Amino acid sequence: MGVIIKPALIDHIIKDMSDKFDHAIVNVDGKMERYPIHNTSISGQTVRKYVFVQDSDAIGKTILGASLKDKDGNELISQSMKISKSNKGFLISFELEVKVNV
């Protein structure tokens, strides 16, 4: 007999995972800055978390990377980047697709 995972369980996994992310740490010119999660989007089995870096924090600086952390400060995911900002703020997107195999 095989195990059948019902869509409701996958929905719970996605929501529980999404709820674990509390804030972002963004590396701006080598300085680690804390930012709130600006927005969350869940579509099917994909979770997207958005972090907005304000104009005043980004103009003329280089964003070197970002990570999402839980409420205890544990790093859950990270991504490196090297983006120089010369005008408006910057929206960082984290995209996570949930795949379940049995």
PDB file of N, CA and C in Angstrom:
ATOM      1  N   MET A   1       0.829  -1.193   0.000  1.00  0.00           N
ATOM      2  CA  MET A   1       0.000   0.000   0.000  1.00  0.00           C
ATOM      3  C   MET A   1       0.867   1.247   0.000  1.00  0.00           C
ATOM      4  N   GLY A   2       0.462   2.220  -0.767  1.00  0.00           N
ATOM      5  CA  GLY A   2       1.194   3.469  -0.812  1.00  0.00           C
ATOM      6  C   GLY A   2       0.540   4.527   0.056  1.00  0.00           C
ATOM      7  N   VAL A   3       1.325   5.462   0.475  1.00  0.00           N
ATOM      8  CA  VAL A   3       0.829   6.580   1.267  1.00  0.00           C
ATOM      9  C   VAL A   3       0.348   7.661   0.311  1.00  0.00           C
ATOM     10  N   ILE A   4      -0.823   8.187   0.569  1.00  0.00           N
ATOM     11  CA  ILE A   4      -1.364   9.267  -0.247  1.00  0.00           C
ATOM     12  C   ILE A   4      -1.415  10.528   0.609  1.00  0.00           C
ATOM     13  N   ILE A   5      -0.707  11.541   0.159  1.00  0.00           N
ATOM     14  CA  ILE A   5      -0.706  12.824   0.859  1.00  0.00           C
ATOM     15  C   ILE A   5      -1.802  13.683   0.249  1.00  0.00           C
ATOM     16  N   LYS A   6      -2.687  14.110   1.088  1.00  0.00           N
ATOM     17  CA  LYS A   6      -3.838  14.909   0.641  1.00  0.00           C
ATOM     18  C   LYS A   6      -3.440  16.384   0.522  1.00  0.00           C
ATOM     19  N   PRO A   7      -4.100  17.116  -0.354  1.00  0.00           N
ATOM     20  CA  PRO A   7      -3.787  18.537  -0.536  1.00  0.00           C
ATOM     21  C   PRO A   7      -3.837  19.350   0.762  1.00  0.00           C
ATOM     22  N   ALA A   8      -4.713  18.992   1.692  1.00  0.00           N
ATOM     23  CA  ALA A   8      -4.809  19.740   2.951  1.00  0.00           C
ATOM     24  C   ALA A   8      -3.497  19.681   3.727  1.00  0.00           C
ATOM     25  N   LEU A   9      -2.810  18.531   3.710  1.00  0.00           N
ATOM     26  CA  LEU A   9      -1.531  18.416   4.416  1.00  0.00           C
ATOM     27  C   LEU A   9      -0.474  19.295   3.756  1.00  0.00           C
ATOM     28  N   ILE A  10      -0.457  19.310   2.443  1.00  0.00           N
ATOM     29  CA  ILE A  10       0.501  20.165   1.734  1.00  0.00           C
ATOM     30  C   ILE A  10       0.225  21.631   2.058  1.00  0.00           C
ATOM     31  N   ASP A  11      -1.039  22.011   2.109  1.00  0.00           N
ATOM     32  CA  ASP A  11      -1.396  23.390   2.479  1.00  0.00           C
ATOM     33  C   ASP A  11      -0.888  23.724   3.881  1.00  0.00           C
ATOM     34  N   HIS A  12      -1.030  22.782   4.827  1.00  0.00           N
ATOM     35  CA  HIS A  12      -0.523  22.995   6.194  1.00  0.00           C
ATOM     36  C   HIS A  12       1.000  23.151   6.206  1.00  0.00           C
ATOM     37  N   ILE A  13       1.687  22.324   5.442  1.00  0.00           N
ATOM     38  CA  ILE A  13       3.151  22.397   5.373  1.00  0.00           C
ATOM     39  C   ILE A  13       3.581  23.759   4.842  1.00  0.00           C
ATOM     40  N   ILE A  14       2.931  24.213   3.780  1.00  0.00           N
ATOM     41  CA  ILE A  14       3.278  25.500   3.171  1.00  0.00           C
ATOM     42  C   ILE A  14       3.012  26.648   4.144  1.00  0.00           C
ATOM     43  N   LYS A  15       1.848  26.647   4.784  1.00  0.00           N
ATOM     44  CA  LYS A  15       1.523  27.721   5.728  1.00  0.00           C
ATOM     45  C   LYS A  15       2.463  27.701   6.930  1.00  0.00           C
ATOM     46  N   ASP A  16       2.722  26.516   7.486  1.00  0.00           N
ATOM     47  CA  ASP A  16       3.626  26.419   8.633  1.00  0.00           C
ATOM     48  C   ASP A  16       5.026  26.915   8.277  1.00  0.00           C
ATOM     49  N   MET A  17       5.512  26.542   7.086  1.00  0.00           N
ATOM     50  CA  MET A  17       6.823  27.001   6.656  1.00  0.00           C
ATOM     51  C   MET A  17       6.826  28.523   6.504  1.00  0.00           C
ATOM     52  N   SER A  18       5.798  29.053   5.854  1.00  0.00           N
ATOM     53  CA  SER A  18       5.723  30.495   5.635  1.00  0.00           C
ATOM     54  C   SER A  18       5.710  31.261   6.951  1.00  0.00           C
ATOM     55  N   ASP A  19       5.011  30.735   7.937  1.00  0.00           N
ATOM     56  CA  ASP A  19       4.900  31.404   9.237  1.00  0.00           C
ATOM     57  C   ASP A  19       6.202  31.414  10.029  1.00  0.00           C
ATOM     58  N   LYS A  20       7.153  30.571   9.681  1.00  0.00           N
ATOM     59  CA  LYS A  20       8.429  30.499  10.417  1.00  0.00           C
ATOM     60  C   LYS A  20       9.321  31.713  10.152  1.00  0.00           C
ATOM     61  N   PHE A  21       9.160  32.362   8.999  1.00  0.00           N
ATOM     62  CA  PHE A  21      10.010  33.494   8.641  1.00  0.00           C
ATOM     63  C   PHE A  21       9.548  34.741   9.388  1.00  0.00           C
ATOM     64  N   ASP A  22      10.453  35.359  10.143  1.00  0.00           N
ATOM     65  CA  ASP A  22      10.096  36.495  10.982  1.00  0.00           C
ATOM     66  C   ASP A  22      10.621  37.827  10.443  1.00  0.00           C
ATOM     67  N   HIS A  23      11.839  37.845   9.940  1.00  0.00           N
ATOM     68  CA  HIS A  23      12.451  39.082   9.464  1.00  0.00           C
ATOM     69  C   HIS A  23      13.615  38.750   8.529  1.00  0.00           C
ATOM     70  N   ALA A  24      14.147  39.790   7.910  1.00  0.00           N
ATOM     71  CA  ALA A  24      15.280  39.634   7.005  1.00  0.00           C
ATOM     72  C   ALA A  24      16.495  40.369   7.550  1.00  0.00           C
ATOM     73  N   ILE A  25      17.649  39.869   7.192  1.00  0.00           N
ATOM     74  CA  ILE A  25      18.914  40.573   7.418  1.00  0.00           C
ATOM     75  C   ILE A  25      19.505  40.825   6.034  1.00  0.00           C
ATOM     76  N   VAL A  26      19.757  42.094   5.730  1.00  0.00           N
ATOM     77  CA  VAL A  26      20.282  42.472   4.419  1.00  0.00           C
ATOM     78  C   VAL A  26      21.675  43.061   4.604  1.00  0.00           C
ATOM     79  N   ASN A  27      22.598  42.586   3.798  1.00  0.00           N
ATOM     80  CA  ASN A  27      23.973  43.074   3.817  1.00  0.00           C
ATOM     81  C   ASN A  27      24.070  44.252   2.852  1.00  0.00           C
ATOM     82  N   VAL A  28      24.121  45.462   3.420  1.00  0.00           N
ATOM     83  CA  VAL A  28      24.226  46.690   2.630  1.00  0.00           C
ATOM     84  C   VAL A  28      25.619  47.266   2.866  1.00  0.00           C
ATOM     85  N   ASP A  29      26.464  47.188   1.840  1.00  0.00           N
ATOM     86  CA  ASP A  29      27.845  47.674   1.933  1.00  0.00           C
ATOM     87  C   ASP A  29      28.594  47.059   3.121  1.00  0.00           C
ATOM     88  N   GLY A  30      28.347  45.789   3.394  1.00  0.00           N
ATOM     89  CA  GLY A  30      29.044  45.099   4.473  1.00  0.00           C
ATOM     90  C   GLY A  30      28.423  45.277   5.849  1.00  0.00           C
ATOM     91  N   LYS A  31      27.377  46.083   5.936  1.00  0.00           N
ATOM     92  CA  LYS A  31      26.700  46.294   7.215  1.00  0.00           C
ATOM     93  C   LYS A  31      25.391  45.497   7.216  1.00  0.00           C
ATOM     94  N   MET A  32      25.218  44.666   8.243  1.00  0.00           N
ATOM     95  CA  MET A  32      24.027  43.828   8.335  1.00  0.00           C
ATOM     96  C   MET A  32      22.880  44.630   8.937  1.00  0.00           C
ATOM     97  N   GLU A  33      21.811  44.787   8.153  1.00  0.00           N
ATOM     98  CA  GLU A  33      20.661  45.588   8.569  1.00  0.00           C
ATOM     99  C   GLU A  33      19.423  44.692   8.664  1.00  0.00           C
ATOM    100  N   ARG A  34      18.630  44.890   9.701  1.00  0.00           N
ATOM    101  CA  ARG A  34      17.400  44.129   9.875  1.00  0.00           C
ATOM    102  C   ARG A  34      16.234  44.841   9.183  1.00  0.00           C
ATOM    103  N   TYR A  35      15.438  44.083   8.440  1.00  0.00           N
ATOM    104  CA  TYR A  35      14.266  44.606   7.742  1.00  0.00           C
ATOM    105  C   TYR A  35      13.074  43.692   8.002  1.00  0.00           C
ATOM    106  N   PRO A  36      11.888  44.262   8.077  1.00  0.00           N
ATOM    107  CA  PRO A  36      10.697  43.415   8.204  1.00  0.00           C
ATOM    108  C   PRO A  36      10.383  42.756   6.858  1.00  0.00           C
ATOM    109  N   ILE A  37       9.623  41.698   6.904  1.00  0.00           N
ATOM    110  CA  ILE A  37       9.125  41.097   5.675  1.00  0.00           C
ATOM    111  C   ILE A  37       7.996  42.002   5.190  1.00  0.00           C
ATOM    112  N   HIS A  38       8.174  42.513   3.986  1.00  0.00           N
ATOM    113  CA  HIS A  38       7.256  43.510   3.417  1.00  0.00           C
ATOM    114  C   HIS A  38       5.928  42.877   2.987  1.00  0.00           C
ATOM    115  N   ASN A  39       6.019  41.701   2.377  1.00  0.00           N
ATOM    116  CA  ASN A  39       4.821  41.049   1.858  1.00  0.00           C
ATOM    117  C   ASN A  39       5.086  39.565   1.682  1.00  0.00           C
ATOM    118  N   THR A  40       4.021  38.777   1.706  1.00  0.00           N
ATOM    119  CA  THR A  40       4.091  37.341   1.477  1.00  0.00           C
ATOM    120  C   THR A  40       3.033  36.970   0.462  1.00  0.00           C
ATOM    121  N   SER A  41       3.411  36.116  -0.467  1.00  0.00           N
ATOM    122  CA  SER A  41       2.486  35.618  -1.473  1.00  0.00           C
ATOM    123  C   SER A  41       2.581  34.097  -1.499  1.00  0.00           C
ATOM    124  N   ILE A  42       1.430  33.438  -1.432  1.00  0.00           N
ATOM    125  CA  ILE A  42       1.393  31.985  -1.558  1.00  0.00           C
ATOM    126  C   ILE A  42       0.510  31.662  -2.752  1.00  0.00           C
ATOM    127  N   SER A  43       1.087  30.927  -3.699  1.00  0.00           N
ATOM    128  CA  SER A  43       0.366  30.534  -4.900  1.00  0.00           C
ATOM    129  C   SER A  43       0.670  29.071  -5.177  1.00  0.00           C
ATOM    130  N   GLY A  44      -0.346  28.235  -5.051  1.00  0.00           N
ATOM    131  CA  GLY A  44      -0.122  26.803  -5.227  1.00  0.00           C
ATOM    132  C   GLY A  44       0.850  26.304  -4.180  1.00  0.00           C
ATOM    133  N   GLN A  45       1.963  25.742  -4.624  1.00  0.00           N
ATOM    134  CA  GLN A  45       2.980  25.219  -3.708  1.00  0.00           C
ATOM    135  C   GLN A  45       4.199  26.134  -3.631  1.00  0.00           C
ATOM    136  N   THR A  46       4.018  27.388  -3.994  1.00  0.00           N
ATOM    137  CA  THR A  46       5.130  28.342  -3.981  1.00  0.00           C
ATOM    138  C   THR A  46       4.852  29.465  -2.987  1.00  0.00           C
ATOM    139  N   VAL A  47       5.846  29.721  -2.144  1.00  0.00           N
ATOM    140  CA  VAL A  47       5.793  30.822  -1.181  1.00  0.00           C
ATOM    141  C   VAL A  47       6.795  31.879  -1.637  1.00  0.00           C
ATOM    142  N   ARG A  48       6.352  33.113  -1.685  1.00  0.00           N
ATOM    143  CA  ARG A  48       7.258  34.222  -1.997  1.00  0.00           C
ATOM    144  C   ARG A  48       7.247  35.195  -0.828  1.00  0.00           C
ATOM    145  N   LYS A  49       8.435  35.546  -0.368  1.00  0.00           N
ATOM    146  CA  LYS A  49       8.606  36.538   0.689  1.00  0.00           C
ATOM    147  C   LYS A  49       9.335  37.721   0.079  1.00  0.00           C
ATOM    148  N   TYR A  50       8.834  38.921   0.387  1.00  0.00           N
ATOM    149  CA  TYR A  50       9.420  40.136  -0.164  1.00  0.00           C
ATOM    150  C   TYR A  50       9.941  41.019   0.958  1.00  0.00           C
ATOM    151  N   VAL A  51      11.117  41.578   0.721  1.00  0.00           N
ATOM    152  CA  VAL A  51      11.756  42.491   1.668  1.00  0.00           C
ATOM    153  C   VAL A  51      12.065  43.778   0.905  1.00  0.00           C
ATOM    154  N   PHE A  52      11.613  44.903   1.449  1.00  0.00           N
ATOM    155  CA  PHE A  52      11.835  46.188   0.786  1.00  0.00           C
ATOM    156  C   PHE A  52      12.925  46.961   1.507  1.00  0.00           C
ATOM    157  N   VAL A  53      13.972  47.308   0.761  1.00  0.00           N
ATOM    158  CA  VAL A  53      15.054  48.135   1.284  1.00  0.00           C
ATOM    159  C   VAL A  53      14.739  49.576   0.911  1.00  0.00           C
ATOM    160  N   GLN A  54      14.594  50.429   1.912  1.00  0.00           N
ATOM    161  CA  GLN A  54      14.205  51.831   1.709  1.00  0.00           C
ATOM    162  C   GLN A  54      15.201  52.592   0.833  1.00  0.00           C
ATOM    163  N   ASP A  55      14.686  53.629   0.166  1.00  0.00           N
ATOM    164  CA  ASP A  55      15.529  54.491  -0.662  1.00  0.00           C
ATOM    165  C   ASP A  55      16.743  54.991   0.105  1.00  0.00           C
ATOM    166  N   SER A  56      16.511  55.504   1.291  1.00  0.00           N
ATOM    167  CA  SER A  56      17.598  56.119   2.064  1.00  0.00           C
ATOM    168  C   SER A  56      18.657  55.103   2.469  1.00  0.00           C
ATOM    169  N   ASP A  57      18.284  53.830   2.545  1.00  0.00           N
ATOM    170  CA  ASP A  57      19.243  52.793   2.918  1.00  0.00           C
ATOM    171  C   ASP A  57      20.012  52.244   1.724  1.00  0.00           C
ATOM    172  N   ALA A  58      19.496  52.452   0.501  1.00  0.00           N
ATOM    173  CA  ALA A  58      20.063  51.771  -0.660  1.00  0.00           C
ATOM    174  C   ALA A  58      20.788  52.670  -1.658  1.00  0.00           C
ATOM    175  N   ILE A  59      20.385  53.915  -1.764  1.00  0.00           N
ATOM    176  CA  ILE A  59      20.944  54.770  -2.809  1.00  0.00           C
ATOM    177  C   ILE A  59      22.449  54.937  -2.632  1.00  0.00           C
ATOM    178  N   GLY A  60      23.175  54.654  -3.716  1.00  0.00           N
ATOM    179  CA  GLY A  60      24.622  54.797  -3.721  1.00  0.00           C
ATOM    180  C   GLY A  60      25.357  53.684  -2.989  1.00  0.00           C
ATOM    181  N   LYS A  61      24.635  52.644  -2.603  1.00  0.00           N
ATOM    182  CA  LYS A  61      25.249  51.543  -1.862  1.00  0.00           C
ATOM    183  C   LYS A  61      25.091  50.243  -2.637  1.00  0.00           C
ATOM    184  N   THR A  62      25.781  49.204  -2.175  1.00  0.00           N
ATOM    185  CA  THR A  62      25.708  47.898  -2.812  1.00  0.00           C
ATOM    186  C   THR A  62      25.058  46.904  -1.868  1.00  0.00           C
ATOM    187  N   ILE A  63      24.039  46.236  -2.375  1.00  0.00           N
ATOM    188  CA  ILE A  63      23.390  45.168  -1.608  1.00  0.00           C
ATOM    189  C   ILE A  63      24.123  43.878  -1.954  1.00  0.00           C
ATOM    190  N   LEU A  64      24.715  43.263  -0.937  1.00  0.00           N
ATOM    191  CA  LEU A  64      25.574  42.101  -1.149  1.00  0.00           C
ATOM    192  C   LEU A  64      24.893  40.772  -0.873  1.00  0.00           C
ATOM    193  N   GLY A  65      23.765  40.793  -0.175  1.00  0.00           N
ATOM    194  CA  GLY A  65      23.073  39.548   0.111  1.00  0.00           C
ATOM    195  C   GLY A  65      21.957  39.775   1.104  1.00  0.00           C
ATOM    196  N   ALA A  66      21.149  38.743   1.279  1.00  0.00           N
ATOM    197  CA  ALA A  66      20.035  38.834   2.218  1.00  0.00           C
ATOM    198  C   ALA A  66      19.706  37.439   2.723  1.00  0.00           C
ATOM    199  N   SER A  67      19.146  37.399   3.920  1.00  0.00           N
ATOM    200  CA  SER A  67      18.700  36.125   4.487  1.00  0.00           C
ATOM    201  C   SER A  67      17.402  36.348   5.241  1.00  0.00           C
ATOM    202  N   LEU A  68      16.653  35.276   5.379  1.00  0.00           N
ATOM    203  CA  LEU A  68      15.444  35.302   6.186  1.00  0.00           C
ATOM    204  C   LEU A  68      15.702  34.506   7.442  1.00  0.00           C
ATOM    205  N   LYS A  69      15.256  35.047   8.565  1.00  0.00           N
ATOM    206  CA  LYS A  69      15.493  34.416   9.861  1.00  0.00           C
ATOM    207  C   LYS A  69      14.181  34.176  10.582  1.00  0.00           C
ATOM    208  N   ASP A  70      14.228  33.241  11.531  1.00  0.00           N
ATOM    209  CA  ASP A  70      13.054  32.996  12.356  1.00  0.00           C
ATOM    210  C   ASP A  70      13.077  33.938  13.550  1.00  0.00           C
ATOM    211  N   LYS A  71      12.089  33.840  14.430  1.00  0.00           N
ATOM    212  CA  LYS A  71      11.992  34.761  15.566  1.00  0.00           C
ATOM    213  C   LYS A  71      13.147  34.624  16.544  1.00  0.00           C
ATOM    214  N   ASP A  72      13.834  33.473  16.513  1.00  0.00           N
ATOM    215  CA  ASP A  72      14.983  33.254  17.392  1.00  0.00           C
ATOM    216  C   ASP A  72      16.303  33.690  16.771  1.00  0.00           C
ATOM    217  N   GLY A  73      16.248  34.190  15.545  1.00  0.00           N
ATOM    218  CA  GLY A  73      17.450  34.662  14.877  1.00  0.00           C
ATOM    219  C   GLY A  73      18.181  33.598  14.079  1.00  0.00           C
ATOM    220  N   ASN A  74      17.596  32.417  13.938  1.00  0.00           N
ATOM    221  CA  ASN A  74      18.215  31.355  13.136  1.00  0.00           C
ATOM    222  C   ASN A  74      18.043  31.659  11.657  1.00  0.00           C
ATOM    223  N   GLU A  75      19.131  31.585  10.920  1.00  0.00           N
ATOM    224  CA  GLU A  75      19.062  31.813   9.480  1.00  0.00           C
ATOM    225  C   GLU A  75      18.409  30.599   8.825  1.00  0.00           C
ATOM    226  N   LEU A  76      17.331  30.843   8.076  1.00  0.00           N
ATOM    227  CA  LEU A  76      16.601  29.759   7.439  1.00  0.00           C
ATOM    228  C   LEU A  76      16.930  29.629   5.956  1.00  0.00           C
ATOM    229  N   ILE A  77      17.064  30.757   5.268  1.00  0.00           N
ATOM    230  CA  ILE A  77      17.494  30.753   3.863  1.00  0.00           C
ATOM    231  C   ILE A  77      18.303  32.020   3.604  1.00  0.00           C
ATOM    232  N   SER A  78      19.154  31.954   2.590  1.00  0.00           N
ATOM    233  CA  SER A  78      19.939  33.138   2.234  1.00  0.00           C
ATOM    234  C   SER A  78      20.202  33.137   0.738  1.00  0.00           C
ATOM    235  N   GLN A  79      20.533  34.315   0.247  1.00  0.00           N
ATOM    236  CA  GLN A  79      20.936  34.451  -1.148  1.00  0.00           C
ATOM    237  C   GLN A  79      21.966  35.565  -1.247  1.00  0.00           C
ATOM    238  N   SER A  80      22.974  35.304  -2.050  1.00  0.00           N
ATOM    239  CA  SER A  80      23.990  36.341  -2.257  1.00  0.00           C
ATOM    240  C   SER A  80      23.628  37.124  -3.514  1.00  0.00           C
ATOM    241  N   MET A  81      24.096  38.348  -3.559  1.00  0.00           N
ATOM    242  CA  MET A  81      23.849  39.219  -4.706  1.00  0.00           C
ATOM    243  C   MET A  81      24.882  40.334  -4.672  1.00  0.00           C
ATOM    244  N   LYS A  82      24.977  41.057  -5.727  1.00  0.00           N
ATOM    245  CA  LYS A  82      25.839  42.240  -5.768  1.00  0.00           C
ATOM    246  C   LYS A  82      25.151  43.246  -6.676  1.00  0.00           C
ATOM    247  N   ILE A  83      24.354  44.099  -6.033  1.00  0.00           N
ATOM    248  CA  ILE A  83      23.541  45.055  -6.769  1.00  0.00           C
ATOM    249  C   ILE A  83      23.831  46.451  -6.253  1.00  0.00           C
ATOM    250  N   SER A  84      24.266  47.317  -7.140  1.00  0.00           N
ATOM    251  CA  SER A  84      24.506  48.710  -6.772  1.00  0.00           C
ATOM    252  C   SER A  84      23.244  49.507  -7.067  1.00  0.00           C
ATOM    253  N   LYS A  85      22.808  50.273  -6.086  1.00  0.00           N
ATOM    254  CA  LYS A  85      21.597  51.061  -6.239  1.00  0.00           C
ATOM    255  C   LYS A  85      21.952  52.531  -6.438  1.00  0.00           C
ATOM    256  N   SER A  86      21.356  53.115  -7.475  1.00  0.00           N
ATOM    257  CA  SER A  86      21.630  54.526  -7.740  1.00  0.00           C
ATOM    258  C   SER A  86      20.365  55.371  -7.701  1.00  0.00           C
ATOM    259  N   ASN A  87      19.197  54.725  -7.597  1.00  0.00           N
ATOM    260  CA  ASN A  87      17.968  55.522  -7.506  1.00  0.00           C
ATOM    261  C   ASN A  87      17.060  54.957  -6.417  1.00  0.00           C
ATOM    262  N   LYS A  88      15.863  54.575  -6.721  1.00  0.00           N
ATOM    263  CA  LYS A  88      14.876  54.188  -5.715  1.00  0.00           C
ATOM    264  C   LYS A  88      15.262  52.939  -4.932  1.00  0.00           C
ATOM    265  N   GLY A  89      14.453  52.633  -3.930  1.00  0.00           N
ATOM    266  CA  GLY A  89      14.673  51.463  -3.079  1.00  0.00           C
ATOM    267  C   GLY A  89      14.690  50.171  -3.870  1.00  0.00           C
ATOM    268  N   PHE A  90      14.759  49.074  -3.151  1.00  0.00           N
ATOM    269  CA  PHE A  90      14.955  47.784  -3.800  1.00  0.00           C
ATOM    270  C   PHE A  90      14.093  46.730  -3.126  1.00  0.00           C
ATOM    271  N   LEU A  91      13.412  45.922  -3.926  1.00  0.00           N
ATOM    272  CA  LEU A  91      12.574  44.847  -3.419  1.00  0.00           C
ATOM    273  C   LEU A  91      13.296  43.525  -3.645  1.00  0.00           C
ATOM    274  N   ILE A  92      13.582  42.827  -2.556  1.00  0.00           N
ATOM    275  CA  ILE A  92      14.247  41.523  -2.622  1.00  0.00           C
ATOM    276  C   ILE A  92      13.175  40.447  -2.522  1.00  0.00           C
ATOM    277  N   SER A  93      13.258  39.462  -3.400  1.00  0.00           N
ATOM    278  CA  SER A  93      12.275  38.387  -3.428  1.00  0.00           C
ATOM    279  C   SER A  93      12.937  37.053  -3.106  1.00  0.00           C
ATOM    280  N   PHE A  94      12.310  36.299  -2.212  1.00  0.00           N
ATOM    281  CA  PHE A  94      12.710  34.930  -1.923  1.00  0.00           C
ATOM    282  C   PHE A  94      11.573  34.039  -2.414  1.00  0.00           C
ATOM    283  N   GLU A  95      11.872  33.080  -3.266  1.00  0.00           N
ATOM    284  CA  GLU A  95      10.850  32.180  -3.786  1.00  0.00           C
ATOM    285  C   GLU A  95      11.168  30.756  -3.369  1.00  0.00           C
ATOM    286  N   LEU A  96      10.207  30.122  -2.705  1.00  0.00           N
ATOM    287  CA  LEU A  96      10.386  28.764  -2.227  1.00  0.00           C
ATOM    288  C   LEU A  96       9.267  27.877  -2.746  1.00  0.00           C
ATOM    289  N   GLU A  97       9.624  26.834  -3.465  1.00  0.00           N
ATOM    290  CA  GLU A  97       8.623  25.894  -3.973  1.00  0.00           C
ATOM    291  C   GLU A  97       8.679  24.637  -3.125  1.00  0.00           C
ATOM    292  N   VAL A  98       7.518  24.217  -2.639  1.00  0.00           N
ATOM    293  CA  VAL A  98       7.432  23.023  -1.810  1.00  0.00           C
ATOM    294  C   VAL A  98       7.102  21.827  -2.697  1.00  0.00           C
ATOM    295  N   LYS A  99       7.955  20.789  -2.602  1.00  0.00           N
ATOM    296  CA  LYS A  99       7.718  19.547  -3.316  1.00  0.00           C
ATOM    297  C   LYS A  99       7.727  18.423  -2.290  1.00  0.00           C
ATOM    298  N   VAL A 100       6.708  17.584  -2.330  1.00  0.00           N
ATOM    299  CA  VAL A 100       6.606  16.474  -1.391  1.00  0.00           C
ATOM    300  C   VAL A 100       6.731  15.173  -2.161  1.00  0.00           C
ATOM    301  N   ASN A 101       7.664  14.330  -1.728  1.00  0.00           N
ATOM    302  CA  ASN A 101       7.855  13.002  -2.320  1.00  0.00           C
ATOM    303  C   ASN A 101       7.627  11.956  -1.259  1.00  0.00           C
ATOM    304  N   VAL A 102       7.006  10.869  -1.650  1.00  0.00           N
ATOM    305  CA  VAL A 102       6.786   9.765  -0.709  1.00  0.00           C
ATOM    306  C   VAL A 102       7.458   8.524  -1.253  1.00  0.00           C
TER     307      VAL A 102
END
